[in-house]
Amino acid sequence: NLQKLHEEQHQWTEAYDTRRRLAKLA
């Protein structure tokens, strides 16, 4: 949800970092 929220705000770097964090975690 944090990733989607960043995407909706066009905060692409934050969304990318969150996605990387999620990918490593999962």
mmCIF file of all heavy atoms, coordinates in Angstrom:
data_MODEL
# 
_entry.id   MODEL 
# 
loop_
_atom_site.group_PDB 
_atom_site.id 
_atom_site.type_symbol 
_atom_site.label_atom_id 
_atom_site.label_alt_id 
_atom_site.label_comp_id 
_atom_site.label_asym_id 
_atom_site.label_entity_id 
_atom_site.label_seq_id 
_atom_site.pdbx_PDB_ins_code 
_atom_site.Cartn_x 
_atom_site.Cartn_y 
_atom_site.Cartn_z 
_atom_site.occupancy 
_atom_site.B_iso_or_equiv 
_atom_site.pdbx_formal_charge 
_atom_site.auth_seq_id 
_atom_site.auth_comp_id 
_atom_site.auth_asym_id 
_atom_site.auth_atom_id 
_atom_site.pdbx_PDB_model_num 
ATOM 1   N N   . ASN A 1 1  ? 0.817  -1.212  0.000   1.00 0.00 ? 1  ASN A N   1 
ATOM 2   C CA  . ASN A 1 1  ? 0.000  0.000   0.000   1.00 0.00 ? 1  ASN A CA  1 
ATOM 3   C C   . ASN A 1 1  ? 0.847  1.257   0.000   1.00 0.00 ? 1  ASN A C   1 
ATOM 4   O O   . ASN A 1 1  ? 0.465  2.266   -0.608  1.00 0.00 ? 1  ASN A O   1 
ATOM 5   C CB  . ASN A 1 1  ? -0.939 -0.013  1.209   1.00 0.00 ? 1  ASN A CB  1 
ATOM 6   C CG  . ASN A 1 1  ? -2.136 -0.930  0.997   1.00 0.00 ? 1  ASN A CG  1 
ATOM 7   O OD1 . ASN A 1 1  ? -3.059 -0.605  0.265   1.00 0.00 ? 1  ASN A OD1 1 
ATOM 8   N ND2 . ASN A 1 1  ? -2.100 -2.087  1.643   1.00 0.00 ? 1  ASN A ND2 1 
ATOM 9   N N   . LEU A 1 2  ? 1.999  1.199   0.636   1.00 0.00 ? 2  LEU A N   1 
ATOM 10  C CA  . LEU A 1 2  ? 2.900  2.341   0.622   1.00 0.00 ? 2  LEU A CA  1 
ATOM 11  C C   . LEU A 1 2  ? 3.433  2.569   -0.795  1.00 0.00 ? 2  LEU A C   1 
ATOM 12  O O   . LEU A 1 2  ? 3.523  3.711   -1.266  1.00 0.00 ? 2  LEU A O   1 
ATOM 13  C CB  . LEU A 1 2  ? 4.055  2.100   1.595   1.00 0.00 ? 2  LEU A CB  1 
ATOM 14  C CG  . LEU A 1 2  ? 5.016  3.263   1.821   1.00 0.00 ? 2  LEU A CG  1 
ATOM 15  C CD1 . LEU A 1 2  ? 4.289  4.472   2.383   1.00 0.00 ? 2  LEU A CD1 1 
ATOM 16  C CD2 . LEU A 1 2  ? 6.154  2.838   2.751   1.00 0.00 ? 2  LEU A CD2 1 
ATOM 17  N N   . GLN A 1 3  ? 3.769  1.474   -1.479  1.00 0.00 ? 3  GLN A N   1 
ATOM 18  C CA  . GLN A 1 3  ? 4.231  1.590   -2.865  1.00 0.00 ? 3  GLN A CA  1 
ATOM 19  C C   . GLN A 1 3  ? 3.151  2.219   -3.742  1.00 0.00 ? 3  GLN A C   1 
ATOM 20  O O   . GLN A 1 3  ? 3.423  3.143   -4.522  1.00 0.00 ? 3  GLN A O   1 
ATOM 21  C CB  . GLN A 1 3  ? 4.589  0.215   -3.416  1.00 0.00 ? 3  GLN A CB  1 
ATOM 22  C CG  . GLN A 1 3  ? 4.973  0.215   -4.900  1.00 0.00 ? 3  GLN A CG  1 
ATOM 23  C CD  . GLN A 1 3  ? 4.900  -1.164  -5.531  1.00 0.00 ? 3  GLN A CD  1 
ATOM 24  O OE1 . GLN A 1 3  ? 5.132  -2.153  -4.876  1.00 0.00 ? 3  GLN A OE1 1 
ATOM 25  N NE2 . GLN A 1 3  ? 4.539  -1.213  -6.808  1.00 0.00 ? 3  GLN A NE2 1 
ATOM 26  N N   . LYS A 1 4  ? 1.918  1.739   -3.623  1.00 0.00 ? 4  LYS A N   1 
ATOM 27  C CA  . LYS A 1 4  ? 0.826  2.273   -4.438  1.00 0.00 ? 4  LYS A CA  1 
ATOM 28  C C   . LYS A 1 4  ? 0.582  3.747   -4.130  1.00 0.00 ? 4  LYS A C   1 
ATOM 29  O O   . LYS A 1 4  ? 0.293  4.548   -5.032  1.00 0.00 ? 4  LYS A O   1 
ATOM 30  C CB  . LYS A 1 4  ? -0.453 1.472   -4.197  1.00 0.00 ? 4  LYS A CB  1 
ATOM 31  C CG  . LYS A 1 4  ? -0.416 0.054   -4.729  1.00 0.00 ? 4  LYS A CG  1 
ATOM 32  C CD  . LYS A 1 4  ? -0.291 0.041   -6.236  1.00 0.00 ? 4  LYS A CD  1 
ATOM 33  C CE  . LYS A 1 4  ? -0.273 -1.376  -6.789  1.00 0.00 ? 4  LYS A CE  1 
ATOM 34  N NZ  . LYS A 1 4  ? -0.033 -1.380  -8.250  1.00 0.00 ? 4  LYS A NZ  1 
ATOM 35  N N   . LEU A 1 5  ? 0.716  4.105   -2.873  1.00 0.00 ? 5  LEU A N   1 
ATOM 36  C CA  . LEU A 1 5  ? 0.499  5.500   -2.495  1.00 0.00 ? 5  LEU A CA  1 
ATOM 37  C C   . LEU A 1 5  ? 1.554  6.403   -3.124  1.00 0.00 ? 5  LEU A C   1 
ATOM 38  O O   . LEU A 1 5  ? 1.243  7.487   -3.636  1.00 0.00 ? 5  LEU A O   1 
ATOM 39  C CB  . LEU A 1 5  ? 0.534  5.619   -0.969  1.00 0.00 ? 5  LEU A CB  1 
ATOM 40  C CG  . LEU A 1 5  ? -0.138 6.840   -0.337  1.00 0.00 ? 5  LEU A CG  1 
ATOM 41  C CD1 . LEU A 1 5  ? -1.600 6.931   -0.751  1.00 0.00 ? 5  LEU A CD1 1 
ATOM 42  C CD2 . LEU A 1 5  ? -0.021 6.767   1.172   1.00 0.00 ? 5  LEU A CD2 1 
ATOM 43  N N   . HIS A 1 6  ? 2.797  5.946   -3.110  1.00 0.00 ? 6  HIS A N   1 
ATOM 44  C CA  . HIS A 1 6  ? 3.861  6.716   -3.753  1.00 0.00 ? 6  HIS A CA  1 
ATOM 45  C C   . HIS A 1 6  ? 3.621  6.822   -5.260  1.00 0.00 ? 6  HIS A C   1 
ATOM 46  O O   . HIS A 1 6  ? 3.854  7.879   -5.863  1.00 0.00 ? 6  HIS A O   1 
ATOM 47  C CB  . HIS A 1 6  ? 5.216  6.068   -3.489  1.00 0.00 ? 6  HIS A CB  1 
ATOM 48  C CG  . HIS A 1 6  ? 5.740  6.285   -2.101  1.00 0.00 ? 6  HIS A CG  1 
ATOM 49  N ND1 . HIS A 1 6  ? 5.777  7.537   -1.515  1.00 0.00 ? 6  HIS A ND1 1 
ATOM 50  C CD2 . HIS A 1 6  ? 6.276  5.420   -1.194  1.00 0.00 ? 6  HIS A CD2 1 
ATOM 51  C CE1 . HIS A 1 6  ? 6.308  7.435   -0.301  1.00 0.00 ? 6  HIS A CE1 1 
ATOM 52  N NE2 . HIS A 1 6  ? 6.601  6.167   -0.078  1.00 0.00 ? 6  HIS A NE2 1 
ATOM 53  N N   . GLU A 1 7  ? 3.151  5.741   -5.872  1.00 0.00 ? 7  GLU A N   1 
ATOM 54  C CA  . GLU A 1 7  ? 2.872  5.774   -7.308  1.00 0.00 ? 7  GLU A CA  1 
ATOM 55  C C   . GLU A 1 7  ? 1.763  6.767   -7.634  1.00 0.00 ? 7  GLU A C   1 
ATOM 56  O O   . GLU A 1 7  ? 1.862  7.518   -8.613  1.00 0.00 ? 7  GLU A O   1 
ATOM 57  C CB  . GLU A 1 7  ? 2.488  4.377   -7.800  1.00 0.00 ? 7  GLU A CB  1 
ATOM 58  C CG  . GLU A 1 7  ? 3.637  3.389   -7.818  1.00 0.00 ? 7  GLU A CG  1 
ATOM 59  C CD  . GLU A 1 7  ? 3.221  1.998   -8.241  1.00 0.00 ? 7  GLU A CD  1 
ATOM 60  O OE1 . GLU A 1 7  ? 2.013  1.780   -8.493  1.00 0.00 ? 7  GLU A OE1 1 
ATOM 61  O OE2 . GLU A 1 7  ? 4.094  1.132   -8.301  1.00 0.00 ? 7  GLU A OE2 1 
ATOM 62  N N   . GLU A 1 8  ? 0.715  6.770   -6.817  1.00 0.00 ? 8  GLU A N   1 
ATOM 63  C CA  . GLU A 1 8  ? -0.392 7.688   -7.057  1.00 0.00 ? 8  GLU A CA  1 
ATOM 64  C C   . GLU A 1 8  ? 0.063  9.145   -6.981  1.00 0.00 ? 8  GLU A C   1 
ATOM 65  O O   . GLU A 1 8  ? -0.494 10.012  -7.659  1.00 0.00 ? 8  GLU A O   1 
ATOM 66  C CB  . GLU A 1 8  ? -1.508 7.430   -6.045  1.00 0.00 ? 8  GLU A CB  1 
ATOM 67  C CG  . GLU A 1 8  ? -2.228 6.104   -6.258  1.00 0.00 ? 8  GLU A CG  1 
ATOM 68  C CD  . GLU A 1 8  ? -3.151 5.761   -5.108  1.00 0.00 ? 8  GLU A CD  1 
ATOM 69  O OE1 . GLU A 1 8  ? -3.472 6.676   -4.308  1.00 0.00 ? 8  GLU A OE1 1 
ATOM 70  O OE2 . GLU A 1 8  ? -3.560 4.585   -4.991  1.00 0.00 ? 8  GLU A OE2 1 
ATOM 71  N N   . GLN A 1 9  ? 1.072  9.398   -6.157  1.00 0.00 ? 9  GLN A N   1 
ATOM 72  C CA  . GLN A 1 9  ? 1.611  10.758  -6.005  1.00 0.00 ? 9  GLN A CA  1 
ATOM 73  C C   . GLN A 1 9  ? 2.759  11.035  -6.979  1.00 0.00 ? 9  GLN A C   1 
ATOM 74  O O   . GLN A 1 9  ? 3.398  12.084  -6.895  1.00 0.00 ? 9  GLN A O   1 
ATOM 75  C CB  . GLN A 1 9  ? 2.089  10.963  -4.570  1.00 0.00 ? 9  GLN A CB  1 
ATOM 76  C CG  . GLN A 1 9  ? 1.017  10.762  -3.509  1.00 0.00 ? 9  GLN A CG  1 
ATOM 77  C CD  . GLN A 1 9  ? -0.195 11.635  -3.735  1.00 0.00 ? 9  GLN A CD  1 
ATOM 78  O OE1 . GLN A 1 9  ? -0.061 12.850  -3.890  1.00 0.00 ? 9  GLN A OE1 1 
ATOM 79  N NE2 . GLN A 1 9  ? -1.382 11.030  -3.761  1.00 0.00 ? 9  GLN A NE2 1 
ATOM 80  N N   . HIS A 1 10 ? 3.041  10.065  -7.854  1.00 0.00 ? 10 HIS A N   1 
ATOM 81  C CA  . HIS A 1 10 ? 4.143  10.171  -8.815  1.00 0.00 ? 10 HIS A CA  1 
ATOM 82  C C   . HIS A 1 10 ? 5.488  10.367  -8.114  1.00 0.00 ? 10 HIS A C   1 
ATOM 83  O O   . HIS A 1 10 ? 6.382  11.024  -8.635  1.00 0.00 ? 10 HIS A O   1 
ATOM 84  C CB  . HIS A 1 10 ? 3.897  11.300  -9.818  1.00 0.00 ? 10 HIS A CB  1 
ATOM 85  C CG  . HIS A 1 10 ? 2.765  11.030  -10.748 1.00 0.00 ? 10 HIS A CG  1 
ATOM 86  N ND1 . HIS A 1 10 ? 2.436  11.863  -11.795 1.00 0.00 ? 10 HIS A ND1 1 
ATOM 87  C CD2 . HIS A 1 10 ? 1.887  9.993   -10.801 1.00 0.00 ? 10 HIS A CD2 1 
ATOM 88  C CE1 . HIS A 1 10 ? 1.391  11.357  -12.453 1.00 0.00 ? 10 HIS A CE1 1 
ATOM 89  N NE2 . HIS A 1 10 ? 1.044  10.233  -11.855 1.00 0.00 ? 10 HIS A NE2 1 
ATOM 90  N N   . GLN A 1 11 ? 5.611  9.755   -6.958  1.00 0.00 ? 11 GLN A N   1 
ATOM 91  C CA  . GLN A 1 11 ? 6.881  9.743   -6.229  1.00 0.00 ? 11 GLN A CA  1 
ATOM 92  C C   . GLN A 1 11 ? 7.608  8.456   -6.624  1.00 0.00 ? 11 GLN A C   1 
ATOM 93  O O   . GLN A 1 11 ? 7.650  7.473   -5.889  1.00 0.00 ? 11 GLN A O   1 
ATOM 94  C CB  . GLN A 1 11 ? 6.620  9.810   -4.719  1.00 0.00 ? 11 GLN A CB  1 
ATOM 95  C CG  . GLN A 1 11 ? 5.914  11.091  -4.294  1.00 0.00 ? 11 GLN A CG  1 
ATOM 96  C CD  . GLN A 1 11 ? 5.380  11.039  -2.871  1.00 0.00 ? 11 GLN A CD  1 
ATOM 97  O OE1 . GLN A 1 11 ? 5.148  9.964   -2.322  1.00 0.00 ? 11 GLN A OE1 1 
ATOM 98  N NE2 . GLN A 1 11 ? 5.159  12.201  -2.277  1.00 0.00 ? 11 GLN A NE2 1 
ATOM 99  N N   . TRP A 1 12 ? 8.177  8.482   -7.806  1.00 0.00 ? 12 TRP A N   1 
ATOM 100 C CA  . TRP A 1 12 ? 8.657  7.249   -8.426  1.00 0.00 ? 12 TRP A CA  1 
ATOM 101 C C   . TRP A 1 12 ? 9.862  6.665   -7.707  1.00 0.00 ? 12 TRP A C   1 
ATOM 102 O O   . TRP A 1 12 ? 9.979  5.437   -7.581  1.00 0.00 ? 12 TRP A O   1 
ATOM 103 C CB  . TRP A 1 12 ? 8.971  7.500   -9.897  1.00 0.00 ? 12 TRP A CB  1 
ATOM 104 C CG  . TRP A 1 12 ? 7.813  8.044   -10.664 1.00 0.00 ? 12 TRP A CG  1 
ATOM 105 C CD1 . TRP A 1 12 ? 7.725  9.258   -11.271 1.00 0.00 ? 12 TRP A CD1 1 
ATOM 106 C CD2 . TRP A 1 12 ? 6.552  7.399   -10.892 1.00 0.00 ? 12 TRP A CD2 1 
ATOM 107 N NE1 . TRP A 1 12 ? 6.492  9.419   -11.864 1.00 0.00 ? 12 TRP A NE1 1 
ATOM 108 C CE2 . TRP A 1 12 ? 5.744  8.289   -11.648 1.00 0.00 ? 12 TRP A CE2 1 
ATOM 109 C CE3 . TRP A 1 12 ? 6.016  6.168   -10.528 1.00 0.00 ? 12 TRP A CE3 1 
ATOM 110 C CZ2 . TRP A 1 12 ? 4.458  7.974   -12.050 1.00 0.00 ? 12 TRP A CZ2 1 
ATOM 111 C CZ3 . TRP A 1 12 ? 4.729  5.848   -10.926 1.00 0.00 ? 12 TRP A CZ3 1 
ATOM 112 C CH2 . TRP A 1 12 ? 3.972  6.745   -11.676 1.00 0.00 ? 12 TRP A CH2 1 
ATOM 113 N N   . THR A 1 13 ? 10.770 7.486   -7.248  1.00 0.00 ? 13 THR A N   1 
ATOM 114 C CA  . THR A 1 13 ? 11.946 6.963   -6.550  1.00 0.00 ? 13 THR A CA  1 
ATOM 115 C C   . THR A 1 13 ? 11.533 6.265   -5.260  1.00 0.00 ? 13 THR A C   1 
ATOM 116 O O   . THR A 1 13 ? 12.026 5.168   -4.946  1.00 0.00 ? 13 THR A O   1 
ATOM 117 C CB  . THR A 1 13 ? 12.939 8.096   -6.244  1.00 0.00 ? 13 THR A CB  1 
ATOM 118 O OG1 . THR A 1 13 ? 13.346 8.708   -7.466  1.00 0.00 ? 13 THR A OG1 1 
ATOM 119 C CG2 . THR A 1 13 ? 14.169 7.558   -5.528  1.00 0.00 ? 13 THR A CG2 1 
ATOM 120 N N   . GLU A 1 14 ? 10.625 6.880   -4.509  1.00 0.00 ? 14 GLU A N   1 
ATOM 121 C CA  . GLU A 1 14 ? 10.145 6.269   -3.272  1.00 0.00 ? 14 GLU A CA  1 
ATOM 122 C C   . GLU A 1 14 ? 9.399  4.970   -3.559  1.00 0.00 ? 14 GLU A C   1 
ATOM 123 O O   . GLU A 1 14 ? 9.540  3.977   -2.831  1.00 0.00 ? 14 GLU A O   1 
ATOM 124 C CB  . GLU A 1 14 ? 9.248  7.248   -2.510  1.00 0.00 ? 14 GLU A CB  1 
ATOM 125 C CG  . GLU A 1 14 ? 9.956  8.466   -1.952  1.00 0.00 ? 14 GLU A CG  1 
ATOM 126 C CD  . GLU A 1 14 ? 10.124 9.578   -2.976  1.00 0.00 ? 14 GLU A CD  1 
ATOM 127 O OE1 . GLU A 1 14 ? 9.833  9.341   -4.184  1.00 0.00 ? 14 GLU A OE1 1 
ATOM 128 O OE2 . GLU A 1 14 ? 10.532 10.677  -2.577  1.00 0.00 ? 14 GLU A OE2 1 
ATOM 129 N N   . ALA A 1 15 ? 8.591  4.975   -4.626  1.00 0.00 ? 15 ALA A N   1 
ATOM 130 C CA  . ALA A 1 15 ? 7.868  3.755   -5.001  1.00 0.00 ? 15 ALA A CA  1 
ATOM 131 C C   . ALA A 1 15 ? 8.845  2.645   -5.381  1.00 0.00 ? 15 ALA A C   1 
ATOM 132 O O   . ALA A 1 15 ? 8.659  1.476   -5.014  1.00 0.00 ? 15 ALA A O   1 
ATOM 133 C CB  . ALA A 1 15 ? 6.921  4.042   -6.157  1.00 0.00 ? 15 ALA A CB  1 
ATOM 134 N N   . TYR A 1 16 ? 9.899  3.010   -6.130  1.00 0.00 ? 16 TYR A N   1 
ATOM 135 C CA  . TYR A 1 16 ? 10.904 2.024   -6.538  1.00 0.00 ? 16 TYR A CA  1 
ATOM 136 C C   . TYR A 1 16 ? 11.605 1.436   -5.318  1.00 0.00 ? 16 TYR A C   1 
ATOM 137 O O   . TYR A 1 16 ? 11.759 0.207   -5.206  1.00 0.00 ? 16 TYR A O   1 
ATOM 138 C CB  . TYR A 1 16 ? 11.916 2.688   -7.470  1.00 0.00 ? 16 TYR A CB  1 
ATOM 139 C CG  . TYR A 1 16 ? 13.037 1.785   -7.915  1.00 0.00 ? 16 TYR A CG  1 
ATOM 140 C CD1 . TYR A 1 16 ? 12.860 0.900   -8.974  1.00 0.00 ? 16 TYR A CD1 1 
ATOM 141 C CD2 . TYR A 1 16 ? 14.273 1.806   -7.266  1.00 0.00 ? 16 TYR A CD2 1 
ATOM 142 C CE1 . TYR A 1 16 ? 13.885 0.060   -9.378  1.00 0.00 ? 16 TYR A CE1 1 
ATOM 143 C CE2 . TYR A 1 16 ? 15.299 0.963   -7.664  1.00 0.00 ? 16 TYR A CE2 1 
ATOM 144 C CZ  . TYR A 1 16 ? 15.104 0.105   -8.726  1.00 0.00 ? 16 TYR A CZ  1 
ATOM 145 O OH  . TYR A 1 16 ? 16.122 -0.730  -9.112  1.00 0.00 ? 16 TYR A OH  1 
ATOM 146 N N   . ASP A 1 17 ? 12.026 2.289   -4.394  1.00 0.00 ? 17 ASP A N   1 
ATOM 147 C CA  . ASP A 1 17 ? 12.721 1.806   -3.189  1.00 0.00 ? 17 ASP A CA  1 
ATOM 148 C C   . ASP A 1 17 ? 11.814 0.902   -2.364  1.00 0.00 ? 17 ASP A C   1 
ATOM 149 O O   . ASP A 1 17 ? 12.275 -0.120  -1.817  1.00 0.00 ? 17 ASP A O   1 
ATOM 150 C CB  . ASP A 1 17 ? 13.187 2.992   -2.344  1.00 0.00 ? 17 ASP A CB  1 
ATOM 151 C CG  . ASP A 1 17 ? 14.288 3.792   -3.021  1.00 0.00 ? 17 ASP A CG  1 
ATOM 152 O OD1 . ASP A 1 17 ? 14.931 3.244   -3.944  1.00 0.00 ? 17 ASP A OD1 1 
ATOM 153 O OD2 . ASP A 1 17 ? 14.498 4.956   -2.641  1.00 0.00 ? 17 ASP A OD2 1 
ATOM 154 N N   . THR A 1 18 ? 10.543 1.254   -2.283  1.00 0.00 ? 18 THR A N   1 
ATOM 155 C CA  . THR A 1 18 ? 9.596  0.427   -1.527  1.00 0.00 ? 18 THR A CA  1 
ATOM 156 C C   . THR A 1 18 ? 9.400  -0.916  -2.200  1.00 0.00 ? 18 THR A C   1 
ATOM 157 O O   . THR A 1 18 ? 9.332  -1.961  -1.534  1.00 0.00 ? 18 THR A O   1 
ATOM 158 C CB  . THR A 1 18 ? 8.241  1.162   -1.392  1.00 0.00 ? 18 THR A CB  1 
ATOM 159 O OG1 . THR A 1 18 ? 8.451  2.440   -0.797  1.00 0.00 ? 18 THR A OG1 1 
ATOM 160 C CG2 . THR A 1 18 ? 7.283  0.368   -0.519  1.00 0.00 ? 18 THR A CG2 1 
ATOM 161 N N   . ARG A 1 19 ? 9.329  -0.901  -3.533  1.00 0.00 ? 19 ARG A N   1 
ATOM 162 C CA  . ARG A 1 19 ? 9.158  -2.163  -4.269  1.00 0.00 ? 19 ARG A CA  1 
ATOM 163 C C   . ARG A 1 19 ? 10.374 -3.062  -4.094  1.00 0.00 ? 19 ARG A C   1 
ATOM 164 O O   . ARG A 1 19 ? 10.243 -4.277  -3.945  1.00 0.00 ? 19 ARG A O   1 
ATOM 165 C CB  . ARG A 1 19 ? 8.914  -1.874  -5.751  1.00 0.00 ? 19 ARG A CB  1 
ATOM 166 C CG  . ARG A 1 19 ? 8.614  -3.129  -6.574  1.00 0.00 ? 19 ARG A CG  1 
ATOM 167 C CD  . ARG A 1 19 ? 7.290  -3.724  -6.188  1.00 0.00 ? 19 ARG A CD  1 
ATOM 168 N NE  . ARG A 1 19 ? 7.146  -5.092  -6.677  1.00 0.00 ? 19 ARG A NE  1 
ATOM 169 C CZ  . ARG A 1 19 ? 6.032  -5.813  -6.542  1.00 0.00 ? 19 ARG A CZ  1 
ATOM 170 N NH1 . ARG A 1 19 ? 4.990  -5.297  -5.938  1.00 0.00 ? 19 ARG A NH1 1 
ATOM 171 N NH2 . ARG A 1 19 ? 5.965  -7.044  -6.995  1.00 0.00 ? 19 ARG A NH2 1 
ATOM 172 N N   . ARG A 1 20 ? 11.557 -2.479  -4.112  1.00 0.00 ? 20 ARG A N   1 
ATOM 173 C CA  . ARG A 1 20 ? 12.766 -3.273  -3.893  1.00 0.00 ? 20 ARG A CA  1 
ATOM 174 C C   . ARG A 1 20 ? 12.769 -3.884  -2.497  1.00 0.00 ? 20 ARG A C   1 
ATOM 175 O O   . ARG A 1 20 ? 13.156 -5.040  -2.309  1.00 0.00 ? 20 ARG A O   1 
ATOM 176 C CB  . ARG A 1 20 ? 14.009 -2.392  -4.088  1.00 0.00 ? 20 ARG A CB  1 
ATOM 177 C CG  . ARG A 1 20 ? 14.310 -2.022  -5.532  1.00 0.00 ? 20 ARG A CG  1 
ATOM 178 C CD  . ARG A 1 20 ? 14.642 -3.245  -6.378  1.00 0.00 ? 20 ARG A CD  1 
ATOM 179 N NE  . ARG A 1 20 ? 15.776 -3.968  -5.872  1.00 0.00 ? 20 ARG A NE  1 
ATOM 180 C CZ  . ARG A 1 20 ? 17.031 -3.756  -6.237  1.00 0.00 ? 20 ARG A CZ  1 
ATOM 181 N NH1 . ARG A 1 20 ? 17.298 -2.796  -7.109  1.00 0.00 ? 20 ARG A NH1 1 
ATOM 182 N NH2 . ARG A 1 20 ? 18.005 -4.483  -5.754  1.00 0.00 ? 20 ARG A NH2 1 
ATOM 183 N N   . ARG A 1 21 ? 12.341 -3.112  -1.548  1.00 0.00 ? 21 ARG A N   1 
ATOM 184 C CA  . ARG A 1 21 ? 12.265 -3.614  -0.163  1.00 0.00 ? 21 ARG A CA  1 
ATOM 185 C C   . ARG A 1 21 ? 11.274 -4.771  -0.067  1.00 0.00 ? 21 ARG A C   1 
ATOM 186 O O   . ARG A 1 21 ? 11.542 -5.789  0.574   1.00 0.00 ? 21 ARG A O   1 
ATOM 187 C CB  . ARG A 1 21 ? 11.843 -2.464  0.753   1.00 0.00 ? 21 ARG A CB  1 
ATOM 188 C CG  . ARG A 1 21 ? 11.791 -2.792  2.235   1.00 0.00 ? 21 ARG A CG  1 
ATOM 189 C CD  . ARG A 1 21 ? 11.456 -1.532  3.018   1.00 0.00 ? 21 ARG A CD  1 
ATOM 190 N NE  . ARG A 1 21 ? 11.202 -1.822  4.419   1.00 0.00 ? 21 ARG A NE  1 
ATOM 191 C CZ  . ARG A 1 21 ? 10.803 -0.907  5.303   1.00 0.00 ? 21 ARG A CZ  1 
ATOM 192 N NH1 . ARG A 1 21 ? 10.625 0.348   4.903   1.00 0.00 ? 21 ARG A NH1 1 
ATOM 193 N NH2 . ARG A 1 21 ? 10.577 -1.252  6.570   1.00 0.00 ? 21 ARG A NH2 1 
ATOM 194 N N   . LEU A 1 22 ? 10.142 -4.616  -0.728  1.00 0.00 ? 22 LEU A N   1 
ATOM 195 C CA  . LEU A 1 22 ? 9.129  -5.676  -0.731  1.00 0.00 ? 22 LEU A CA  1 
ATOM 196 C C   . LEU A 1 22 ? 9.648  -6.910  -1.443  1.00 0.00 ? 22 LEU A C   1 
ATOM 197 O O   . LEU A 1 22 ? 9.437  -8.045  -0.994  1.00 0.00 ? 22 LEU A O   1 
ATOM 198 C CB  . LEU A 1 22 ? 7.860  -5.170  -1.408  1.00 0.00 ? 22 LEU A CB  1 
ATOM 199 C CG  . LEU A 1 22 ? 6.729  -6.187  -1.605  1.00 0.00 ? 22 LEU A CG  1 
ATOM 200 C CD1 . LEU A 1 22 ? 6.198  -6.654  -0.257  1.00 0.00 ? 22 LEU A CD1 1 
ATOM 201 C CD2 . LEU A 1 22 ? 5.598  -5.577  -2.435  1.00 0.00 ? 22 LEU A CD2 1 
ATOM 202 N N   . ALA A 1 23 ? 10.323 -6.713  -2.570  1.00 0.00 ? 23 ALA A N   1 
ATOM 203 C CA  . ALA A 1 23 ? 10.839 -7.848  -3.344  1.00 0.00 ? 23 ALA A CA  1 
ATOM 204 C C   . ALA A 1 23 ? 11.843 -8.659  -2.531  1.00 0.00 ? 23 ALA A C   1 
ATOM 205 O O   . ALA A 1 23 ? 11.811 -9.898  -2.542  1.00 0.00 ? 23 ALA A O   1 
ATOM 206 C CB  . ALA A 1 23 ? 11.484 -7.339  -4.626  1.00 0.00 ? 23 ALA A CB  1 
ATOM 207 N N   . LYS A 1 24 ? 12.724 -7.992  -1.835  1.00 0.00 ? 24 LYS A N   1 
ATOM 208 C CA  . LYS A 1 24 ? 13.715 -8.705  -1.011  1.00 0.00 ? 24 LYS A CA  1 
ATOM 209 C C   . LYS A 1 24 ? 13.052 -9.419  0.158   1.00 0.00 ? 24 LYS A C   1 
ATOM 210 O O   . LYS A 1 24 ? 13.403 -10.544 0.496   1.00 0.00 ? 24 LYS A O   1 
ATOM 211 C CB  . LYS A 1 24 ? 14.753 -7.721  -0.503  1.00 0.00 ? 24 LYS A CB  1 
ATOM 212 C CG  . LYS A 1 24 ? 15.657 -7.161  -1.590  1.00 0.00 ? 24 LYS A CG  1 
ATOM 213 C CD  . LYS A 1 24 ? 16.642 -6.150  -1.026  1.00 0.00 ? 24 LYS A CD  1 
ATOM 214 C CE  . LYS A 1 24 ? 17.526 -5.574  -2.129  1.00 0.00 ? 24 LYS A CE  1 
ATOM 215 N NZ  . LYS A 1 24 ? 18.457 -4.544  -1.611  1.00 0.00 ? 24 LYS A NZ  1 
ATOM 216 N N   . LEU A 1 25 ? 12.081 -8.756  0.753   1.00 0.00 ? 25 LEU A N   1 
ATOM 217 C CA  . LEU A 1 25 ? 11.394 -9.333  1.907   1.00 0.00 ? 25 LEU A CA  1 
ATOM 218 C C   . LEU A 1 25 ? 10.619 -10.581 1.528   1.00 0.00 ? 25 LEU A C   1 
ATOM 219 O O   . LEU A 1 25 ? 10.659 -11.601 2.205   1.00 0.00 ? 25 LEU A O   1 
ATOM 220 C CB  . LEU A 1 25 ? 10.438 -8.292  2.513   1.00 0.00 ? 25 LEU A CB  1 
ATOM 221 C CG  . LEU A 1 25 ? 9.566  -8.765  3.674   1.00 0.00 ? 25 LEU A CG  1 
ATOM 222 C CD1 . LEU A 1 25 ? 10.430 -9.110  4.876   1.00 0.00 ? 25 LEU A CD1 1 
ATOM 223 C CD2 . LEU A 1 25 ? 8.549  -7.698  4.044   1.00 0.00 ? 25 LEU A CD2 1 
ATOM 224 N N   . ALA A 1 26 ? 9.905  -10.511 0.408   1.00 0.00 ? 26 ALA A N   1 
ATOM 225 C CA  . ALA A 1 26 ? 9.049  -11.619 -0.011  1.00 0.00 ? 26 ALA A CA  1 
ATOM 226 C C   . ALA A 1 26 ? 9.770  -12.614 -0.897  1.00 0.00 ? 26 ALA A C   1 
ATOM 227 O O   . ALA A 1 26 ? 9.154  -13.552 -1.402  1.00 0.00 ? 26 ALA A O   1 
ATOM 228 C CB  . ALA A 1 26 ? 7.820  -11.071 -0.735  1.00 0.00 ? 26 ALA A CB  1 
# 
